[in-house]
All heavy atoms as atom14 arrays in JSON, in Angstrom:
{
  "sequence": "FAEEVYCLPVSDKNEKKTTEEQLRHAKEAAGMAL",
  "atom14_mask": [
    [1, 1, 1, 1, 1, 1, 1, 1, 1, 1, 1, 0, 0, 0],
    [1, 1, 1, 1, 1, 0, 0, 0, 0, 0, 0, 0, 0, 0],
    [1, 1, 1, 1, 1, 1, 1, 1, 1, 0, 0, 0, 0, 0],
    [1, 1, 1, 1, 1, 1, 1, 1, 1, 0, 0, 0, 0, 0],
    [1, 1, 1, 1, 1, 1, 1, 0, 0, 0, 0, 0, 0, 0],
    [1, 1, 1, 1, 1, 1, 1, 1, 1, 1, 1, 1, 0, 0],
    [1, 1, 1, 1, 1, 1, 0, 0, 0, 0, 0, 0, 0, 0],
    [1, 1, 1, 1, 1, 1, 1, 1, 0, 0, 0, 0, 0, 0],
    [1, 1, 1, 1, 1, 1, 1, 0, 0, 0, 0, 0, 0, 0],
    [1, 1, 1, 1, 1, 1, 1, 0, 0, 0, 0, 0, 0, 0],
    [1, 1, 1, 1, 1, 1, 0, 0, 0, 0, 0, 0, 0, 0],
    [1, 1, 1, 1, 1, 1, 1, 1, 0, 0, 0, 0, 0, 0],
    [1, 1, 1, 1, 1, 1, 1, 1, 1, 0, 0, 0, 0, 0],
    [1, 1, 1, 1, 1, 1, 1, 1, 0, 0, 0, 0, 0, 0],
    [1, 1, 1, 1, 1, 1, 1, 1, 1, 0, 0, 0, 0, 0],
    [1, 1, 1, 1, 1, 1, 1, 1, 1, 0, 0, 0, 0, 0],
    [1, 1, 1, 1, 1, 1, 1, 1, 1, 0, 0, 0, 0, 0],
    [1, 1, 1, 1, 1, 1, 1, 0, 0, 0, 0, 0, 0, 0],
    [1, 1, 1, 1, 1, 1, 1, 0, 0, 0, 0, 0, 0, 0],
    [1, 1, 1, 1, 1, 1, 1, 1, 1, 0, 0, 0, 0, 0],
    [1, 1, 1, 1, 1, 1, 1, 1, 1, 0, 0, 0, 0, 0],
    [1, 1, 1, 1, 1, 1, 1, 1, 1, 0, 0, 0, 0, 0],
    [1, 1, 1, 1, 1, 1, 1, 1, 0, 0, 0, 0, 0, 0],
    [1, 1, 1, 1, 1, 1, 1, 1, 1, 1, 1, 0, 0, 0],
    [1, 1, 1, 1, 1, 1, 1, 1, 1, 1, 0, 0, 0, 0],
    [1, 1, 1, 1, 1, 0, 0, 0, 0, 0, 0, 0, 0, 0],
    [1, 1, 1, 1, 1, 1, 1, 1, 1, 0, 0, 0, 0, 0],
    [1, 1, 1, 1, 1, 1, 1, 1, 1, 0, 0, 0, 0, 0],
    [1, 1, 1, 1, 1, 0, 0, 0, 0, 0, 0, 0, 0, 0],
    [1, 1, 1, 1, 1, 0, 0, 0, 0, 0, 0, 0, 0, 0],
    [1, 1, 1, 1, 0, 0, 0, 0, 0, 0, 0, 0, 0, 0],
    [1, 1, 1, 1, 1, 1, 1, 1, 0, 0, 0, 0, 0, 0],
    [1, 1, 1, 1, 1, 0, 0, 0, 0, 0, 0, 0, 0, 0],
    [1, 1, 1, 1, 1, 1, 1, 1, 0, 0, 0, 0, 0, 0]
  ],
  "atom14_positions": [
    [[22.08, 12.15, 75.33], [22.77, 13.37, 75.25], [24.24, 13.21, 75.21], [24.95, 14.0, 74.44], [22.42, 14.35, 76.47], [21.05, 14.85, 76.51], [20.07, 14.22, 77.49], [20.34, 15.55, 75.57], [18.84, 14.47, 77.61], [18.92, 15.8, 75.59], [18.2, 15.38, 76.67], [0.0, 0.0, 0.0], [0.0, 0.0, 0.0], [0.0, 0.0, 0.0]],
    [[24.79, 12.29, 76.0], [26.18, 11.91, 75.91], [26.38, 10.45, 75.47], [25.65, 9.62, 76.0], [26.84, 12.19, 77.17], [0.0, 0.0, 0.0], [0.0, 0.0, 0.0], [0.0, 0.0, 0.0], [0.0, 0.0, 0.0], [0.0, 0.0, 0.0], [0.0, 0.0, 0.0], [0.0, 0.0, 0.0], [0.0, 0.0, 0.0], [0.0, 0.0, 0.0]],
    [[27.36, 10.23, 74.63], [27.61, 8.82, 74.16], [28.27, 8.03, 75.31], [27.87, 6.77, 75.57], [28.44, 8.81, 72.85], [27.89, 9.4, 71.82], [28.79, 9.71, 70.65], [29.75, 8.83, 70.49], [28.73, 10.64, 70.02], [0.0, 0.0, 0.0], [0.0, 0.0, 0.0], [0.0, 0.0, 0.0], [0.0, 0.0, 0.0], [0.0, 0.0, 0.0]],
    [[29.14, 8.73, 75.99], [29.92, 7.99, 77.08], [30.06, 9.07, 78.25], [30.07, 10.27, 78.04], [31.2, 7.51, 76.7], [31.18, 6.37, 75.65], [32.59, 6.06, 75.18], [33.28, 5.45, 75.97], [32.92, 6.24, 74.01], [0.0, 0.0, 0.0], [0.0, 0.0, 0.0], [0.0, 0.0, 0.0], [0.0, 0.0, 0.0], [0.0, 0.0, 0.0]],
    [[30.15, 8.56, 79.4], [30.34, 9.44, 80.58], [31.36, 8.92, 81.53], [31.78, 7.75, 81.42], [29.01, 9.6, 81.39], [27.87, 10.19, 80.57], [28.52, 8.13, 81.86], [0.0, 0.0, 0.0], [0.0, 0.0, 0.0], [0.0, 0.0, 0.0], [0.0, 0.0, 0.0], [0.0, 0.0, 0.0], [0.0, 0.0, 0.0], [0.0, 0.0, 0.0]],
    [[31.88, 9.85, 82.37], [32.94, 9.5, 83.41], [32.66, 10.21, 84.58], [32.53, 11.36, 84.59], [34.3, 9.89, 82.76], [35.44, 9.6, 83.75], [35.86, 8.26, 83.86], [36.18, 10.68, 84.5], [37.08, 7.96, 84.7], [37.16, 10.35, 85.24], [37.59, 9.02, 85.37], [38.7, 8.71, 86.2], [0.0, 0.0, 0.0], [0.0, 0.0, 0.0]],
    [[32.59, 9.5, 85.69], [32.37, 9.99, 86.99], [33.61, 10.26, 87.74], [34.36, 9.36, 88.0], [31.56, 9.07, 87.9], [30.81, 9.91, 89.22], [0.0, 0.0, 0.0], [0.0, 0.0, 0.0], [0.0, 0.0, 0.0], [0.0, 0.0, 0.0], [0.0, 0.0, 0.0], [0.0, 0.0, 0.0], [0.0, 0.0, 0.0], [0.0, 0.0, 0.0]],
    [[33.91, 11.62, 88.04], [35.11, 11.96, 88.71], [35.14, 11.63, 90.21], [34.02, 11.79, 90.87], [35.38, 13.42, 88.66], [35.91, 14.11, 87.46], [35.97, 15.55, 87.7], [37.46, 13.44, 87.25], [0.0, 0.0, 0.0], [0.0, 0.0, 0.0], [0.0, 0.0, 0.0], [0.0, 0.0, 0.0], [0.0, 0.0, 0.0], [0.0, 0.0, 0.0]],
    [[36.15, 10.97, 90.75], [36.21, 10.64, 92.28], [36.03, 12.18, 93.02], [36.71, 12.97, 92.52], [37.47, 10.07, 92.45], [37.89, 9.54, 91.06], [37.31, 10.47, 90.11], [0.0, 0.0, 0.0], [0.0, 0.0, 0.0], [0.0, 0.0, 0.0], [0.0, 0.0, 0.0], [0.0, 0.0, 0.0], [0.0, 0.0, 0.0], [0.0, 0.0, 0.0]],
    [[35.32, 12.04, 94.04], [35.14, 13.33, 94.78], [36.36, 13.42, 95.71], [36.65, 12.53, 96.5], [33.81, 13.25, 95.63], [33.75, 14.61, 96.32], [32.63, 13.06, 94.62], [0.0, 0.0, 0.0], [0.0, 0.0, 0.0], [0.0, 0.0, 0.0], [0.0, 0.0, 0.0], [0.0, 0.0, 0.0], [0.0, 0.0, 0.0], [0.0, 0.0, 0.0]],
    [[37.01, 14.63, 95.69], [38.09, 14.87, 96.51], [37.73, 15.2, 97.95], [36.58, 15.7, 98.15], [39.03, 15.78, 96.02], [39.52, 15.56, 94.71], [0.0, 0.0, 0.0], [0.0, 0.0, 0.0], [0.0, 0.0, 0.0], [0.0, 0.0, 0.0], [0.0, 0.0, 0.0], [0.0, 0.0, 0.0], [0.0, 0.0, 0.0], [0.0, 0.0, 0.0]],
    [[38.52, 15.0, 98.95], [38.32, 15.34, 100.31], [38.52, 16.85, 100.42], [39.6, 17.37, 100.29], [39.26, 14.64, 101.29], [38.9, 15.01, 102.74], [38.06, 15.76, 102.93], [39.71, 14.39, 103.55], [0.0, 0.0, 0.0], [0.0, 0.0, 0.0], [0.0, 0.0, 0.0], [0.0, 0.0, 0.0], [0.0, 0.0, 0.0], [0.0, 0.0, 0.0]],
    [[37.38, 17.66, 100.67], [37.42, 19.1, 100.69], [38.28, 19.52, 101.77], [38.8, 20.72, 101.89], [36.01, 19.59, 100.9], [35.13, 19.44, 99.63], [33.96, 20.17, 99.88], [33.01, 19.92, 98.57], [31.52, 20.62, 98.77], [0.0, 0.0, 0.0], [0.0, 0.0, 0.0], [0.0, 0.0, 0.0], [0.0, 0.0, 0.0], [0.0, 0.0, 0.0]],
    [[38.44, 18.75, 102.89], [39.3, 19.17, 104.03], [40.78, 18.95, 103.74], [41.66, 19.45, 104.52], [38.92, 18.34, 105.31], [37.45, 18.65, 105.8], [37.01, 19.79, 105.71], [36.75, 17.79, 106.07], [0.0, 0.0, 0.0], [0.0, 0.0, 0.0], [0.0, 0.0, 0.0], [0.0, 0.0, 0.0], [0.0, 0.0, 0.0], [0.0, 0.0, 0.0]],
    [[41.1, 18.17, 102.61], [42.47, 17.92, 102.39], [42.99, 19.24, 101.69], [42.73, 19.5, 100.52], [42.64, 16.69, 101.39], [44.18, 16.34, 101.04], [44.1, 15.23, 100.03], [43.02, 14.63, 99.78], [45.22, 14.91, 99.7], [0.0, 0.0, 0.0], [0.0, 0.0, 0.0], [0.0, 0.0, 0.0], [0.0, 0.0, 0.0], [0.0, 0.0, 0.0]],
    [[44.15, 19.8, 102.34], [44.67, 20.92, 101.72], [45.93, 20.53, 100.8], [46.78, 19.73, 101.1], [45.2, 21.85, 102.86], [44.06, 22.49, 103.62], [44.48, 23.54, 104.62], [43.41, 24.16, 105.38], [43.75, 25.2, 106.24], [0.0, 0.0, 0.0], [0.0, 0.0, 0.0], [0.0, 0.0, 0.0], [0.0, 0.0, 0.0], [0.0, 0.0, 0.0]],
    [[45.85, 21.1, 99.55], [46.93, 20.9, 98.72], [47.64, 22.14, 98.19], [47.11, 23.21, 98.18], [46.42, 20.25, 97.36], [45.64, 18.85, 97.64], [45.06, 18.26, 96.37], [44.36, 16.94, 96.62], [43.7, 16.53, 95.3], [0.0, 0.0, 0.0], [0.0, 0.0, 0.0], [0.0, 0.0, 0.0], [0.0, 0.0, 0.0], [0.0, 0.0, 0.0]],
    [[48.96, 21.92, 97.96], [49.64, 23.0, 97.34], [49.33, 23.26, 96.02], [48.54, 22.46, 95.34], [51.12, 22.79, 97.41], [51.46, 21.66, 96.61], [51.59, 22.49, 98.86], [0.0, 0.0, 0.0], [0.0, 0.0, 0.0], [0.0, 0.0, 0.0], [0.0, 0.0, 0.0], [0.0, 0.0, 0.0], [0.0, 0.0, 0.0], [0.0, 0.0, 0.0]],
    [[49.53, 24.41, 95.42], [49.28, 24.71, 94.08], [49.81, 23.73, 93.1], [49.11, 23.14, 92.09], [49.76, 26.03, 93.68], [49.13, 27.11, 94.44], [49.53, 26.44, 92.24], [0.0, 0.0, 0.0], [0.0, 0.0, 0.0], [0.0, 0.0, 0.0], [0.0, 0.0, 0.0], [0.0, 0.0, 0.0], [0.0, 0.0, 0.0], [0.0, 0.0, 0.0]],
    [[51.08, 23.24, 93.43], [51.7, 22.22, 92.56], [50.95, 21.02, 92.52], [50.71, 20.17, 91.6], [53.14, 22.05, 92.94], [54.07, 23.09, 92.52], [54.14, 23.34, 91.05], [54.19, 22.24, 90.35], [54.17, 24.5, 90.56], [0.0, 0.0, 0.0], [0.0, 0.0, 0.0], [0.0, 0.0, 0.0], [0.0, 0.0, 0.0], [0.0, 0.0, 0.0]],
    [[50.49, 20.64, 93.74], [49.78, 19.41, 93.93], [48.31, 19.42, 93.31], [47.97, 18.43, 92.59], [49.48, 18.96, 95.42], [50.77, 18.73, 96.2], [50.56, 18.54, 97.67], [49.75, 19.27, 98.21], [51.43, 17.75, 98.29], [0.0, 0.0, 0.0], [0.0, 0.0, 0.0], [0.0, 0.0, 0.0], [0.0, 0.0, 0.0], [0.0, 0.0, 0.0]],
    [[47.77, 20.63, 93.39], [46.37, 20.67, 92.62], [46.59, 20.56, 91.18], [45.85, 19.88, 90.48], [45.89, 22.14, 92.85], [45.33, 22.38, 94.38], [44.83, 23.72, 94.57], [44.42, 24.44, 93.6], [44.88, 24.28, 95.74], [0.0, 0.0, 0.0], [0.0, 0.0, 0.0], [0.0, 0.0, 0.0], [0.0, 0.0, 0.0], [0.0, 0.0, 0.0]],
    [[47.62, 21.28, 90.48], [47.79, 21.17, 89.25], [48.18, 19.71, 88.72], [47.9, 19.34, 87.66], [48.84, 22.19, 88.65], [48.4, 23.65, 88.71], [49.45, 24.49, 88.52], [47.18, 24.06, 88.08], [0.0, 0.0, 0.0], [0.0, 0.0, 0.0], [0.0, 0.0, 0.0], [0.0, 0.0, 0.0], [0.0, 0.0, 0.0], [0.0, 0.0, 0.0]],
    [[49.02, 19.05, 89.46], [49.4, 17.72, 89.13], [48.34, 16.77, 89.17], [48.08, 15.85, 88.43], [50.49, 17.14, 90.14], [51.12, 15.84, 89.84], [52.29, 15.42, 90.53], [52.04, 15.32, 92.04], [52.53, 16.3, 92.97], [53.12, 17.33, 92.67], [52.2, 16.1, 94.19], [0.0, 0.0, 0.0], [0.0, 0.0, 0.0], [0.0, 0.0, 0.0]],
    [[47.46, 17.03, 90.19], [46.21, 16.11, 90.44], [45.36, 16.29, 89.18], [44.68, 15.37, 88.65], [45.44, 16.44, 91.72], [44.28, 15.49, 91.99], [42.98, 16.04, 91.53], [44.08, 14.33, 92.57], [42.14, 15.12, 91.87], [42.73, 13.98, 92.53], [0.0, 0.0, 0.0], [0.0, 0.0, 0.0], [0.0, 0.0, 0.0], [0.0, 0.0, 0.0]],
    [[45.14, 17.58, 88.8], [44.22, 17.81, 87.58], [44.75, 17.18, 86.33], [44.0, 16.68, 85.59], [44.09, 19.38, 87.44], [0.0, 0.0, 0.0], [0.0, 0.0, 0.0], [0.0, 0.0, 0.0], [0.0, 0.0, 0.0], [0.0, 0.0, 0.0], [0.0, 0.0, 0.0], [0.0, 0.0, 0.0], [0.0, 0.0, 0.0], [0.0, 0.0, 0.0]],
    [[46.11, 17.2, 86.16], [46.64, 16.53, 84.84], [46.49, 15.08, 85.11], [45.95, 14.42, 84.04], [48.07, 16.85, 84.85], [48.78, 16.29, 83.59], [50.22, 16.69, 83.59], [50.94, 16.25, 82.22], [52.3, 16.66, 82.29], [0.0, 0.0, 0.0], [0.0, 0.0, 0.0], [0.0, 0.0, 0.0], [0.0, 0.0, 0.0], [0.0, 0.0, 0.0]],
    [[46.71, 14.38, 86.24], [46.44, 13.0, 86.36], [44.98, 12.66, 86.14], [44.74, 11.62, 85.53], [46.85, 12.59, 87.81], [48.45, 12.78, 88.02], [48.86, 12.44, 89.33], [47.96, 12.43, 90.26], [50.05, 12.41, 89.76], [0.0, 0.0, 0.0], [0.0, 0.0, 0.0], [0.0, 0.0, 0.0], [0.0, 0.0, 0.0], [0.0, 0.0, 0.0]],
    [[44.06, 13.4, 86.78], [42.62, 13.07, 86.56], [42.27, 13.18, 85.09], [41.47, 12.38, 84.76], [41.78, 14.02, 87.37], [0.0, 0.0, 0.0], [0.0, 0.0, 0.0], [0.0, 0.0, 0.0], [0.0, 0.0, 0.0], [0.0, 0.0, 0.0], [0.0, 0.0, 0.0], [0.0, 0.0, 0.0], [0.0, 0.0, 0.0], [0.0, 0.0, 0.0]],
    [[42.78, 14.23, 84.43], [42.51, 14.33, 82.91], [42.91, 13.12, 82.24], [42.26, 12.63, 81.35], [43.12, 15.58, 82.45], [0.0, 0.0, 0.0], [0.0, 0.0, 0.0], [0.0, 0.0, 0.0], [0.0, 0.0, 0.0], [0.0, 0.0, 0.0], [0.0, 0.0, 0.0], [0.0, 0.0, 0.0], [0.0, 0.0, 0.0], [0.0, 0.0, 0.0]],
    [[44.09, 12.65, 82.51], [44.7, 11.47, 81.96], [43.78, 10.26, 82.11], [43.65, 9.51, 81.16], [0.0, 0.0, 0.0], [0.0, 0.0, 0.0], [0.0, 0.0, 0.0], [0.0, 0.0, 0.0], [0.0, 0.0, 0.0], [0.0, 0.0, 0.0], [0.0, 0.0, 0.0], [0.0, 0.0, 0.0], [0.0, 0.0, 0.0], [0.0, 0.0, 0.0]],
    [[43.31, 10.11, 83.33], [42.48, 8.97, 83.63], [41.15, 9.11, 82.9], [40.74, 8.03, 82.32], [42.2, 8.91, 85.08], [43.39, 8.36, 85.93], [43.0, 8.04, 87.71], [42.75, 9.67, 88.29], [0.0, 0.0, 0.0], [0.0, 0.0, 0.0], [0.0, 0.0, 0.0], [0.0, 0.0, 0.0], [0.0, 0.0, 0.0], [0.0, 0.0, 0.0]],
    [[40.61, 10.21, 82.74], [39.35, 10.42, 81.99], [39.57, 10.22, 80.51], [38.79, 9.46, 79.84], [38.78, 11.88, 82.17], [0.0, 0.0, 0.0], [0.0, 0.0, 0.0], [0.0, 0.0, 0.0], [0.0, 0.0, 0.0], [0.0, 0.0, 0.0], [0.0, 0.0, 0.0], [0.0, 0.0, 0.0], [0.0, 0.0, 0.0], [0.0, 0.0, 0.0]],
    [[40.64, 10.62, 79.88], [40.87, 10.38, 78.49], [41.11, 8.92, 78.27], [40.65, 8.36, 77.17], [42.16, 11.23, 78.07], [42.0, 12.73, 77.95], [43.3, 13.4, 77.46], [40.79, 13.04, 77.03], [0.0, 0.0, 0.0], [0.0, 0.0, 0.0], [0.0, 0.0, 0.0], [0.0, 0.0, 0.0], [0.0, 0.0, 0.0], [0.0, 0.0, 0.0]]
  ]
}
């Protein structure tokens, strides 16, 4: 079904992040996936 796959590291649900931190983390995670 998929040629290649990528497993995202699971974040700590108890770790509270600011909005800026969330958006920065999403950009970094996207970069690693690409």
